[in-house]
Amino acid sequence: MTPRLAGLTASALAPLRRFRRREDGAVLVEGMLLLPLLLWAAFGLYVYWDAYRTINTVQKAANTVAEAFSRQESSVNAAFARGITNTMGLLMKEQQTPRARYTSVEYVGSKKRFEVNWSCSLNPSAMPPWTTTSFQTVAGRLPNTADGVTQLLIETEVPYEPPLNIGLNAMTIRQFIYIKPRFVNKVGFADIANCK
């Protein structure tokens, strides 16, 4: 290669060499590469926070309903069950409609099992009322109880739909709360036939 041609080639490549050494736009390029990941992380944290907040709200509302049932000094009725379920919906401050099943069970020591005193489901197609036979499938979730002691079982289901689609699927938040009546041995149900 002639010296003149080598000089021309070197002078033509000089701007490319200077461009290669420059770092002026590195932050901008790195930012553009990381921006989608940062946005996904921010929206993902928001969705998981919203799911956790909703689960926490449902737990608190269901515990409030359980406390209300446990403090009854006489029989409850279907209007009370509907009203307390509506109150749970108001406590959640969302457009979610809770499904609920309220049950009173008593431990019978001679039979070594829980027997259902009454069971009220406000949505029988989704949560059918318990019978003594069907209740045995979940009886193991209750604590050991002395003979003749009554437990109130409050079960709720709340559908949850994530606000954004980032990989968290729709789910049903379920609560299974058992509590002993506080002031009486057994809370009765006056009109179980109207519980629908």
N, C-alpha and C. Protein backbone atom coordinates (compact mmCIF):
# COMPACT_ATOMS: atom_id res chain seq x y z
N MET A 1 0.85 -1.16 0.00
CA MET A 1 0.00 0.00 0.00
C MET A 1 0.90 1.23 0.00
N THR A 2 0.55 2.17 -0.79
CA THR A 2 1.36 3.37 -0.89
C THR A 2 1.13 4.24 0.33
N PRO A 3 2.14 5.05 0.68
CA PRO A 3 1.97 5.90 1.85
C PRO A 3 0.80 6.87 1.70
N ARG A 4 0.57 7.32 0.49
CA ARG A 4 -0.54 8.25 0.31
C ARG A 4 -1.88 7.54 0.54
N LEU A 5 -2.03 6.33 0.04
CA LEU A 5 -3.26 5.57 0.21
C LEU A 5 -3.45 5.21 1.69
N ALA A 6 -2.34 4.87 2.37
CA ALA A 6 -2.44 4.56 3.79
C ALA A 6 -2.88 5.79 4.57
N GLY A 7 -2.37 6.97 4.19
CA GLY A 7 -2.78 8.20 4.86
C GLY A 7 -4.24 8.52 4.63
N LEU A 8 -4.71 8.27 3.40
CA LEU A 8 -6.12 8.49 3.09
C LEU A 8 -7.01 7.54 3.89
N THR A 9 -6.61 6.29 3.98
CA THR A 9 -7.39 5.31 4.73
C THR A 9 -7.41 5.67 6.21
N ALA A 10 -6.26 6.08 6.74
CA ALA A 10 -6.19 6.45 8.16
C ALA A 10 -7.05 7.66 8.43
N SER A 11 -7.03 8.68 7.53
CA SER A 11 -7.83 9.87 7.75
C SER A 11 -9.32 9.57 7.59
N ALA A 12 -9.67 8.62 6.74
CA ALA A 12 -11.09 8.25 6.58
C ALA A 12 -11.59 7.47 7.79
N LEU A 13 -10.72 6.70 8.38
CA LEU A 13 -11.12 5.91 9.55
C LEU A 13 -11.00 6.68 10.87
N ALA A 14 -10.38 7.82 10.86
CA ALA A 14 -10.20 8.61 12.09
C ALA A 14 -11.53 8.96 12.76
N PRO A 15 -12.55 9.44 12.01
CA PRO A 15 -13.83 9.74 12.68
C PRO A 15 -14.46 8.49 13.31
N LEU A 16 -14.32 7.34 12.67
CA LEU A 16 -14.86 6.11 13.25
C LEU A 16 -14.13 5.73 14.53
N ARG A 17 -12.80 5.95 14.55
CA ARG A 17 -12.04 5.65 15.77
C ARG A 17 -12.45 6.59 16.90
N ARG A 18 -12.63 7.87 16.56
CA ARG A 18 -13.06 8.84 17.59
C ARG A 18 -14.46 8.47 18.10
N PHE A 19 -15.35 8.07 17.18
CA PHE A 19 -16.71 7.68 17.57
C PHE A 19 -16.69 6.46 18.49
N ARG A 20 -15.80 5.52 18.19
CA ARG A 20 -15.70 4.32 19.00
C ARG A 20 -15.24 4.62 20.42
N ARG A 21 -14.38 5.63 20.58
CA ARG A 21 -13.86 5.97 21.91
C ARG A 21 -14.82 6.85 22.72
N ARG A 22 -15.76 7.49 22.09
CA ARG A 22 -16.67 8.39 22.79
C ARG A 22 -17.66 7.60 23.65
N GLU A 23 -18.02 8.16 24.80
CA GLU A 23 -18.97 7.52 25.70
C GLU A 23 -20.11 8.47 26.06
N ASP A 24 -20.38 9.45 25.25
CA ASP A 24 -21.39 10.45 25.57
C ASP A 24 -22.79 9.86 25.74
N GLY A 25 -23.22 8.93 24.90
CA GLY A 25 -24.59 8.40 24.94
C GLY A 25 -24.73 7.10 25.70
N ALA A 26 -23.71 6.68 26.45
CA ALA A 26 -23.76 5.38 27.12
C ALA A 26 -24.89 5.32 28.14
N VAL A 27 -25.07 6.38 28.90
CA VAL A 27 -26.12 6.39 29.93
C VAL A 27 -27.49 6.30 29.27
N LEU A 28 -27.67 7.03 28.19
CA LEU A 28 -28.95 7.00 27.48
C LEU A 28 -29.25 5.61 26.93
N VAL A 29 -28.28 4.98 26.32
CA VAL A 29 -28.48 3.64 25.77
C VAL A 29 -28.77 2.65 26.89
N GLU A 30 -27.99 2.70 27.98
CA GLU A 30 -28.23 1.79 29.10
C GLU A 30 -29.61 2.02 29.70
N GLY A 31 -30.00 3.30 29.79
CA GLY A 31 -31.32 3.61 30.32
C GLY A 31 -32.43 3.04 29.44
N MET A 32 -32.28 3.16 28.15
CA MET A 32 -33.28 2.62 27.22
C MET A 32 -33.35 1.09 27.29
N LEU A 33 -32.21 0.46 27.54
CA LEU A 33 -32.21 -1.00 27.66
C LEU A 33 -32.85 -1.45 28.97
N LEU A 34 -32.67 -0.68 30.04
CA LEU A 34 -33.19 -1.07 31.35
C LEU A 34 -34.61 -0.58 31.61
N LEU A 35 -35.09 0.41 30.87
CA LEU A 35 -36.41 0.98 31.13
C LEU A 35 -37.53 -0.06 31.10
N PRO A 36 -37.61 -0.94 30.11
CA PRO A 36 -38.69 -1.94 30.13
C PRO A 36 -38.64 -2.84 31.37
N LEU A 37 -37.45 -3.22 31.78
CA LEU A 37 -37.32 -4.06 32.97
C LEU A 37 -37.76 -3.31 34.22
N LEU A 38 -37.37 -2.06 34.33
CA LEU A 38 -37.77 -1.26 35.49
C LEU A 38 -39.28 -1.03 35.52
N LEU A 39 -39.89 -0.77 34.37
CA LEU A 39 -41.35 -0.60 34.32
C LEU A 39 -42.06 -1.89 34.69
N TRP A 40 -41.59 -3.03 34.15
CA TRP A 40 -42.20 -4.31 34.49
C TRP A 40 -42.11 -4.56 35.99
N ALA A 41 -40.95 -4.26 36.60
CA ALA A 41 -40.78 -4.47 38.04
C ALA A 41 -41.72 -3.56 38.83
N ALA A 42 -41.85 -2.31 38.42
CA ALA A 42 -42.73 -1.37 39.14
C ALA A 42 -44.18 -1.83 39.06
N PHE A 43 -44.65 -2.18 37.86
CA PHE A 43 -46.03 -2.64 37.73
C PHE A 43 -46.24 -3.98 38.43
N GLY A 44 -45.24 -4.85 38.38
CA GLY A 44 -45.33 -6.13 39.08
C GLY A 44 -45.45 -5.94 40.58
N LEU A 45 -44.65 -5.05 41.14
CA LEU A 45 -44.74 -4.78 42.58
C LEU A 45 -46.10 -4.23 42.93
N TYR A 46 -46.64 -3.37 42.08
CA TYR A 46 -47.98 -2.82 42.34
C TYR A 46 -49.03 -3.92 42.36
N VAL A 47 -48.99 -4.84 41.39
CA VAL A 47 -49.99 -5.90 41.32
C VAL A 47 -49.88 -6.83 42.52
N TYR A 48 -48.66 -7.22 42.89
CA TYR A 48 -48.50 -8.10 44.05
C TYR A 48 -48.87 -7.39 45.34
N TRP A 49 -48.59 -6.10 45.44
CA TRP A 49 -49.01 -5.34 46.61
C TRP A 49 -50.53 -5.29 46.68
N ASP A 50 -51.20 -5.08 45.54
CA ASP A 50 -52.66 -5.02 45.52
C ASP A 50 -53.26 -6.37 45.94
N ALA A 51 -52.69 -7.47 45.48
CA ALA A 51 -53.18 -8.80 45.87
C ALA A 51 -52.99 -9.01 47.36
N TYR A 52 -51.84 -8.66 47.89
CA TYR A 52 -51.59 -8.81 49.33
C TYR A 52 -52.55 -7.94 50.13
N ARG A 53 -52.78 -6.71 49.69
CA ARG A 53 -53.70 -5.80 50.39
C ARG A 53 -55.11 -6.37 50.39
N THR A 54 -55.53 -6.93 49.26
CA THR A 54 -56.87 -7.50 49.17
C THR A 54 -57.01 -8.71 50.09
N ILE A 55 -56.01 -9.58 50.11
CA ILE A 55 -56.04 -10.74 51.02
C ILE A 55 -56.14 -10.28 52.47
N ASN A 56 -55.36 -9.28 52.82
CA ASN A 56 -55.37 -8.75 54.18
C ASN A 56 -56.73 -8.15 54.52
N THR A 57 -57.33 -7.43 53.59
CA THR A 57 -58.64 -6.82 53.83
C THR A 57 -59.71 -7.89 54.00
N VAL A 58 -59.67 -8.94 53.18
CA VAL A 58 -60.64 -10.02 53.29
C VAL A 58 -60.48 -10.73 54.64
N GLN A 59 -59.23 -10.95 55.08
CA GLN A 59 -59.01 -11.58 56.38
C GLN A 59 -59.61 -10.76 57.51
N LYS A 60 -59.37 -9.47 57.48
CA LYS A 60 -59.90 -8.60 58.55
C LYS A 60 -61.42 -8.55 58.53
N ALA A 61 -62.00 -8.46 57.34
CA ALA A 61 -63.46 -8.42 57.24
C ALA A 61 -64.07 -9.74 57.72
N ALA A 62 -63.47 -10.87 57.35
CA ALA A 62 -63.98 -12.17 57.78
C ALA A 62 -63.85 -12.33 59.29
N ASN A 63 -62.76 -11.87 59.86
CA ASN A 63 -62.60 -11.93 61.32
C ASN A 63 -63.61 -11.04 62.03
N THR A 64 -63.94 -9.91 61.45
CA THR A 64 -64.96 -9.04 62.04
C THR A 64 -66.32 -9.73 62.03
N VAL A 65 -66.65 -10.41 60.94
CA VAL A 65 -67.90 -11.17 60.84
C VAL A 65 -67.91 -12.29 61.88
N ALA A 66 -66.79 -12.99 62.03
CA ALA A 66 -66.70 -14.08 63.02
C ALA A 66 -66.92 -13.54 64.43
N GLU A 67 -66.33 -12.39 64.73
CA GLU A 67 -66.53 -11.78 66.06
C GLU A 67 -67.99 -11.42 66.28
N ALA A 68 -68.65 -10.89 65.25
CA ALA A 68 -70.07 -10.52 65.38
C ALA A 68 -70.92 -11.76 65.66
N PHE A 69 -70.64 -12.86 64.97
CA PHE A 69 -71.38 -14.09 65.23
C PHE A 69 -71.11 -14.61 66.64
N SER A 70 -69.87 -14.56 67.07
CA SER A 70 -69.52 -15.14 68.37
C SER A 70 -70.12 -14.36 69.54
N ARG A 71 -70.49 -13.11 69.33
CA ARG A 71 -71.03 -12.28 70.41
C ARG A 71 -72.55 -12.30 70.50
N GLN A 72 -73.20 -13.12 69.68
CA GLN A 72 -74.65 -13.21 69.74
C GLN A 72 -75.07 -13.95 71.00
N GLU A 73 -76.07 -13.42 71.66
CA GLU A 73 -76.55 -14.02 72.92
C GLU A 73 -77.83 -14.82 72.71
N SER A 74 -78.37 -14.78 71.51
CA SER A 74 -79.57 -15.56 71.21
C SER A 74 -79.43 -16.10 69.79
N SER A 75 -80.52 -16.60 69.26
CA SER A 75 -80.48 -17.15 67.91
C SER A 75 -80.32 -16.04 66.87
N VAL A 76 -79.66 -16.39 65.79
CA VAL A 76 -79.56 -15.48 64.65
C VAL A 76 -80.59 -15.94 63.62
N ASN A 77 -80.76 -15.14 62.57
CA ASN A 77 -81.70 -15.51 61.53
C ASN A 77 -81.09 -15.20 60.16
N ALA A 78 -81.86 -15.49 59.11
CA ALA A 78 -81.35 -15.30 57.75
C ALA A 78 -81.09 -13.83 57.46
N ALA A 79 -81.92 -12.94 58.00
CA ALA A 79 -81.71 -11.51 57.78
C ALA A 79 -80.38 -11.07 58.40
N PHE A 80 -80.05 -11.61 59.57
CA PHE A 80 -78.77 -11.30 60.21
C PHE A 80 -77.61 -11.80 59.34
N ALA A 81 -77.74 -13.02 58.82
CA ALA A 81 -76.67 -13.59 57.97
C ALA A 81 -76.47 -12.75 56.71
N ARG A 82 -77.57 -12.34 56.07
CA ARG A 82 -77.44 -11.49 54.87
C ARG A 82 -76.85 -10.13 55.23
N GLY A 83 -77.31 -9.57 56.33
CA GLY A 83 -76.80 -8.25 56.75
C GLY A 83 -75.32 -8.29 57.09
N ILE A 84 -74.88 -9.32 57.77
CA ILE A 84 -73.47 -9.41 58.16
C ILE A 84 -72.59 -9.66 56.93
N THR A 85 -73.12 -10.39 55.94
CA THR A 85 -72.38 -10.59 54.69
C THR A 85 -72.27 -9.28 53.92
N ASN A 86 -73.36 -8.51 53.88
CA ASN A 86 -73.32 -7.19 53.23
C ASN A 86 -72.34 -6.27 53.95
N THR A 87 -72.29 -6.37 55.28
CA THR A 87 -71.33 -5.56 56.05
C THR A 87 -69.91 -5.95 55.67
N MET A 88 -69.67 -7.24 55.49
CA MET A 88 -68.33 -7.68 55.08
C MET A 88 -67.97 -7.06 53.74
N GLY A 89 -68.92 -7.04 52.81
CA GLY A 89 -68.68 -6.41 51.52
C GLY A 89 -68.34 -4.94 51.66
N LEU A 90 -69.02 -4.24 52.57
CA LEU A 90 -68.72 -2.82 52.80
C LEU A 90 -67.35 -2.62 53.44
N LEU A 91 -66.96 -3.54 54.32
CA LEU A 91 -65.65 -3.44 54.97
C LEU A 91 -64.51 -3.60 53.97
N MET A 92 -64.77 -4.31 52.89
CA MET A 92 -63.71 -4.53 51.91
C MET A 92 -63.54 -3.34 50.97
N LYS A 93 -64.53 -2.45 50.88
CA LYS A 93 -64.44 -1.22 50.08
C LYS A 93 -64.08 -1.49 48.63
N GLU A 94 -64.51 -2.58 48.11
CA GLU A 94 -64.20 -2.94 46.73
C GLU A 94 -65.50 -3.34 46.05
N GLN A 95 -65.42 -3.62 44.79
CA GLN A 95 -66.59 -4.07 44.06
C GLN A 95 -66.73 -5.59 44.15
N GLN A 96 -66.05 -6.21 45.10
CA GLN A 96 -66.11 -7.65 45.24
C GLN A 96 -67.34 -8.05 46.04
N THR A 97 -67.98 -9.12 45.63
CA THR A 97 -69.13 -9.64 46.36
C THR A 97 -68.71 -10.92 47.06
N PRO A 98 -68.70 -10.90 48.39
CA PRO A 98 -68.27 -12.11 49.09
C PRO A 98 -69.35 -13.19 49.09
N ARG A 99 -68.91 -14.43 49.03
CA ARG A 99 -69.80 -15.57 49.27
C ARG A 99 -69.50 -16.05 50.67
N ALA A 100 -70.53 -16.48 51.38
CA ALA A 100 -70.31 -16.87 52.77
C ALA A 100 -71.13 -18.09 53.14
N ARG A 101 -70.57 -18.86 54.07
CA ARG A 101 -71.27 -20.00 54.66
C ARG A 101 -70.99 -19.95 56.16
N TYR A 102 -72.06 -19.98 56.94
CA TYR A 102 -71.95 -19.92 58.40
C TYR A 102 -72.47 -21.24 58.96
N THR A 103 -71.69 -21.82 59.88
CA THR A 103 -72.02 -23.15 60.39
C THR A 103 -71.76 -23.20 61.88
N SER A 104 -72.64 -23.91 62.58
CA SER A 104 -72.43 -24.20 64.00
C SER A 104 -72.24 -25.71 64.14
N VAL A 105 -71.11 -26.10 64.73
CA VAL A 105 -70.84 -27.53 64.92
C VAL A 105 -70.57 -27.79 66.40
N GLU A 106 -70.89 -29.00 66.82
CA GLU A 106 -70.68 -29.41 68.21
C GLU A 106 -69.92 -30.72 68.23
N TYR A 107 -68.92 -30.80 69.09
CA TYR A 107 -68.15 -32.03 69.17
C TYR A 107 -68.89 -33.02 70.07
N VAL A 108 -69.12 -34.21 69.55
CA VAL A 108 -69.80 -35.28 70.30
C VAL A 108 -68.73 -36.32 70.63
N GLY A 109 -68.34 -36.35 71.89
CA GLY A 109 -67.25 -37.22 72.33
C GLY A 109 -67.54 -38.69 72.14
N SER A 110 -68.79 -39.12 72.34
CA SER A 110 -69.11 -40.54 72.21
C SER A 110 -68.95 -41.02 70.76
N LYS A 111 -69.15 -40.12 69.80
CA LYS A 111 -69.00 -40.49 68.39
C LYS A 111 -67.65 -40.05 67.83
N LYS A 112 -66.91 -39.29 68.61
CA LYS A 112 -65.60 -38.77 68.22
C LYS A 112 -65.66 -38.03 66.89
N ARG A 113 -66.61 -37.12 66.78
CA ARG A 113 -66.74 -36.32 65.57
C ARG A 113 -67.52 -35.04 65.87
N PHE A 114 -67.42 -34.11 64.94
CA PHE A 114 -68.23 -32.89 65.00
C PHE A 114 -69.55 -33.16 64.31
N GLU A 115 -70.63 -32.66 64.90
CA GLU A 115 -71.94 -32.76 64.28
C GLU A 115 -72.45 -31.35 64.00
N VAL A 116 -73.08 -31.18 62.87
CA VAL A 116 -73.56 -29.87 62.45
C VAL A 116 -74.88 -29.56 63.14
N ASN A 117 -74.92 -28.43 63.87
CA ASN A 117 -76.18 -27.96 64.46
C ASN A 117 -77.02 -27.26 63.40
N TRP A 118 -76.39 -26.39 62.64
CA TRP A 118 -77.03 -25.70 61.51
C TRP A 118 -75.94 -25.18 60.58
N SER A 119 -76.31 -25.00 59.33
CA SER A 119 -75.38 -24.46 58.34
C SER A 119 -76.17 -23.59 57.38
N CYS A 120 -75.74 -22.35 57.25
CA CYS A 120 -76.41 -21.37 56.40
C CYS A 120 -75.46 -20.92 55.30
N SER A 121 -75.83 -21.20 54.05
CA SER A 121 -75.04 -20.74 52.92
C SER A 121 -75.88 -19.76 52.13
N LEU A 122 -75.35 -18.57 51.91
CA LEU A 122 -76.08 -17.56 51.16
C LEU A 122 -75.91 -17.74 49.65
N ASN A 123 -75.08 -18.66 49.25
CA ASN A 123 -74.91 -18.99 47.85
C ASN A 123 -74.77 -20.52 47.75
N PRO A 124 -75.90 -21.24 47.89
CA PRO A 124 -75.84 -22.71 47.97
C PRO A 124 -75.24 -23.39 46.76
N SER A 125 -75.31 -22.78 45.58
CA SER A 125 -74.73 -23.44 44.41
C SER A 125 -73.20 -23.45 44.47
N ALA A 126 -72.61 -22.38 45.01
CA ALA A 126 -71.14 -22.30 45.11
C ALA A 126 -70.63 -22.92 46.41
N MET A 127 -71.35 -22.71 47.49
CA MET A 127 -70.95 -23.22 48.80
C MET A 127 -72.16 -23.89 49.45
N PRO A 128 -72.42 -25.15 49.16
CA PRO A 128 -73.61 -25.80 49.74
C PRO A 128 -73.51 -25.89 51.26
N PRO A 129 -74.65 -25.83 51.95
CA PRO A 129 -74.61 -25.95 53.41
C PRO A 129 -74.01 -27.29 53.83
N TRP A 130 -73.33 -27.29 54.94
CA TRP A 130 -72.73 -28.52 55.45
C TRP A 130 -73.79 -29.42 56.06
N THR A 131 -73.59 -30.71 55.92
CA THR A 131 -74.31 -31.70 56.70
C THR A 131 -73.27 -32.36 57.61
N THR A 132 -73.72 -33.12 58.57
CA THR A 132 -72.76 -33.78 59.46
C THR A 132 -71.82 -34.68 58.67
N THR A 133 -72.35 -35.37 57.68
CA THR A 133 -71.52 -36.27 56.86
C THR A 133 -70.52 -35.49 56.02
N SER A 134 -70.99 -34.48 55.29
CA SER A 134 -70.08 -33.73 54.42
C SER A 134 -69.07 -32.92 55.22
N PHE A 135 -69.43 -32.52 56.43
CA PHE A 135 -68.52 -31.71 57.23
C PHE A 135 -67.28 -32.48 57.65
N GLN A 136 -67.35 -33.79 57.70
CA GLN A 136 -66.20 -34.58 58.15
C GLN A 136 -65.00 -34.41 57.23
N THR A 137 -65.21 -33.93 56.00
CA THR A 137 -64.09 -33.71 55.08
C THR A 137 -63.20 -32.55 55.53
N VAL A 138 -63.75 -31.62 56.31
CA VAL A 138 -62.95 -30.48 56.79
C VAL A 138 -62.83 -30.46 58.31
N ALA A 139 -63.41 -31.43 58.98
CA ALA A 139 -63.40 -31.45 60.45
C ALA A 139 -61.98 -31.47 61.02
N GLY A 140 -61.04 -32.03 60.29
CA GLY A 140 -59.66 -32.08 60.76
C GLY A 140 -59.00 -30.72 60.86
N ARG A 141 -59.60 -29.71 60.26
CA ARG A 141 -59.04 -28.35 60.34
C ARG A 141 -59.41 -27.65 61.64
N LEU A 142 -60.38 -28.20 62.39
CA LEU A 142 -60.78 -27.61 63.67
C LEU A 142 -59.89 -28.15 64.78
N PRO A 143 -59.70 -27.36 65.82
CA PRO A 143 -58.84 -27.83 66.92
C PRO A 143 -59.54 -28.91 67.75
N ASN A 144 -58.75 -29.63 68.53
CA ASN A 144 -59.33 -30.60 69.46
C ASN A 144 -60.24 -29.86 70.41
N THR A 145 -61.41 -30.43 70.64
CA THR A 145 -62.44 -29.76 71.42
C THR A 145 -63.00 -30.73 72.44
N ALA A 146 -63.39 -30.20 73.59
CA ALA A 146 -64.00 -31.03 74.62
C ALA A 146 -65.41 -31.44 74.21
N ASP A 147 -65.91 -32.51 74.83
CA ASP A 147 -67.24 -33.02 74.52
C ASP A 147 -68.29 -31.95 74.80
N GLY A 148 -69.18 -31.75 73.82
CA GLY A 148 -70.29 -30.81 73.99
C GLY A 148 -69.96 -29.35 73.68
N VAL A 149 -68.73 -29.06 73.31
CA VAL A 149 -68.35 -27.67 73.02
C VAL A 149 -68.72 -27.34 71.57
N THR A 150 -69.29 -26.15 71.40
CA THR A 150 -69.75 -25.70 70.09
C THR A 150 -68.73 -24.74 69.49
N GLN A 151 -68.53 -24.87 68.20
CA GLN A 151 -67.68 -23.95 67.44
C GLN A 151 -68.53 -23.33 66.33
N LEU A 152 -68.29 -22.07 66.05
CA LEU A 152 -68.89 -21.41 64.90
C LEU A 152 -67.84 -21.38 63.80
N LEU A 153 -68.25 -21.75 62.61
CA LEU A 153 -67.34 -21.77 61.48
C LEU A 153 -67.82 -20.75 60.45
N ILE A 154 -66.95 -19.80 60.13
CA ILE A 154 -67.26 -18.77 59.14
C ILE A 154 -66.34 -19.00 57.95
N GLU A 155 -66.93 -19.26 56.80
CA GLU A 155 -66.17 -19.48 55.57
C GLU A 155 -66.57 -18.41 54.55
N THR A 156 -65.57 -17.80 53.95
CA THR A 156 -65.86 -16.79 52.94
C THR A 156 -65.01 -17.05 51.70
N GLU A 157 -65.55 -16.65 50.57
CA GLU A 157 -64.84 -16.71 49.30
C GLU A 157 -65.04 -15.38 48.60
N VAL A 158 -63.94 -14.79 48.16
CA VAL A 158 -64.00 -13.51 47.45
C VAL A 158 -63.18 -13.65 46.17
N PRO A 159 -63.79 -13.44 45.00
CA PRO A 159 -63.02 -13.49 43.76
C PRO A 159 -62.09 -12.29 43.64
N TYR A 160 -60.89 -12.52 43.13
CA TYR A 160 -59.91 -11.44 42.96
C TYR A 160 -59.40 -11.45 41.53
N GLU A 161 -59.44 -10.31 40.90
CA GLU A 161 -58.92 -10.12 39.54
C GLU A 161 -57.80 -9.10 39.61
N PRO A 162 -56.57 -9.44 39.23
CA PRO A 162 -55.46 -8.48 39.28
C PRO A 162 -55.75 -7.27 38.39
N PRO A 163 -55.32 -6.07 38.81
CA PRO A 163 -55.58 -4.87 38.01
C PRO A 163 -54.81 -4.84 36.69
N LEU A 164 -53.68 -5.52 36.61
CA LEU A 164 -52.88 -5.59 35.39
C LEU A 164 -52.50 -7.04 35.12
N ASN A 165 -52.31 -7.37 33.86
CA ASN A 165 -51.94 -8.74 33.50
C ASN A 165 -50.42 -8.81 33.38
N ILE A 166 -49.76 -9.20 34.49
CA ILE A 166 -48.30 -9.34 34.46
C ILE A 166 -47.87 -10.74 34.90
N GLY A 167 -48.79 -11.69 34.87
CA GLY A 167 -48.43 -13.05 35.24
C GLY A 167 -49.16 -13.58 36.46
N LEU A 168 -49.87 -12.73 37.19
CA LEU A 168 -50.64 -13.18 38.35
C LEU A 168 -52.06 -13.47 37.87
N ASN A 169 -52.51 -14.71 38.05
CA ASN A 169 -53.83 -15.11 37.56
C ASN A 169 -54.93 -14.69 38.51
N ALA A 170 -56.14 -14.66 38.00
CA ALA A 170 -57.31 -14.42 38.85
C ALA A 170 -57.39 -15.56 39.85
N MET A 171 -57.89 -15.27 41.05
CA MET A 171 -57.95 -16.27 42.10
C MET A 171 -59.16 -16.03 42.99
N THR A 172 -59.43 -16.98 43.84
CA THR A 172 -60.47 -16.84 44.85
C THR A 172 -59.79 -16.84 46.20
N ILE A 173 -60.04 -15.79 46.97
CA ILE A 173 -59.45 -15.68 48.31
C ILE A 173 -60.42 -16.33 49.29
N ARG A 174 -59.96 -17.36 49.97
CA ARG A 174 -60.82 -18.12 50.89
C ARG A 174 -60.37 -17.92 52.33
N GLN A 175 -61.34 -17.81 53.21
CA GLN A 175 -61.07 -17.72 54.64
C GLN A 175 -61.86 -18.83 55.34
N PHE A 176 -61.24 -19.46 56.32
CA PHE A 176 -61.83 -20.54 57.09
C PHE A 176 -61.56 -20.20 58.55
N ILE A 177 -62.55 -19.63 59.22
CA ILE A 177 -62.35 -19.13 60.58
C ILE A 177 -63.29 -19.88 61.53
N TYR A 178 -62.74 -20.41 62.59
CA TYR A 178 -63.57 -21.04 63.61
C TYR A 178 -63.41 -20.24 64.90
N ILE A 179 -64.51 -20.12 65.62
CA ILE A 179 -64.51 -19.32 66.84
C ILE A 179 -65.57 -19.88 67.78
N LYS A 180 -65.30 -19.80 69.06
CA LYS A 180 -66.23 -20.30 70.06
C LYS A 180 -67.19 -19.17 70.44
N PRO A 181 -68.50 -19.48 70.62
CA PRO A 181 -69.42 -18.44 71.08
C PRO A 181 -68.95 -17.87 72.43
N ARG A 182 -69.05 -16.57 72.58
CA ARG A 182 -68.49 -15.93 73.77
C ARG A 182 -69.43 -15.94 74.98
N PHE A 183 -70.72 -15.73 74.76
CA PHE A 183 -71.62 -15.52 75.90
C PHE A 183 -72.61 -16.65 76.13
N VAL A 184 -72.78 -17.53 75.17
CA VAL A 184 -73.68 -18.67 75.31
C VAL A 184 -72.93 -19.92 74.87
N ASN A 185 -73.48 -21.07 75.24
CA ASN A 185 -72.84 -22.31 74.83
C ASN A 185 -73.07 -22.60 73.35
N LYS A 186 -74.26 -22.22 72.85
CA LYS A 186 -74.60 -22.54 71.48
C LYS A 186 -75.44 -21.40 70.90
N VAL A 187 -75.03 -20.90 69.73
CA VAL A 187 -75.81 -19.90 69.01
C VAL A 187 -76.75 -20.65 68.08
N GLY A 188 -78.06 -20.38 68.20
CA GLY A 188 -79.06 -21.06 67.37
C GLY A 188 -79.33 -20.29 66.08
N PHE A 189 -80.10 -20.90 65.22
CA PHE A 189 -80.51 -20.23 63.97
C PHE A 189 -82.02 -20.37 63.88
N ALA A 190 -82.71 -19.23 63.88
CA ALA A 190 -84.17 -19.24 64.02
C ALA A 190 -84.90 -19.71 62.76
N ASP A 191 -84.44 -19.31 61.59
CA ASP A 191 -85.18 -19.62 60.36
C ASP A 191 -84.24 -20.15 59.28
N ILE A 192 -83.66 -21.29 59.51
CA ILE A 192 -82.65 -21.84 58.60
C ILE A 192 -83.23 -22.10 57.21
N ALA A 193 -84.54 -22.31 57.09
CA ALA A 193 -85.15 -22.55 55.78
C ALA A 193 -85.08 -21.31 54.89
N ASN A 194 -84.99 -20.12 55.49
CA ASN A 194 -84.92 -18.88 54.73
C ASN A 194 -83.50 -18.48 54.36
N CYS A 195 -82.55 -19.32 54.70
CA CYS A 195 -81.15 -18.99 54.47
C CYS A 195 -80.76 -19.38 53.04
N LYS A 196 -80.93 -18.42 52.12
CA LYS A 196 -80.59 -18.66 50.70
C LYS A 196 -80.05 -17.40 50.12
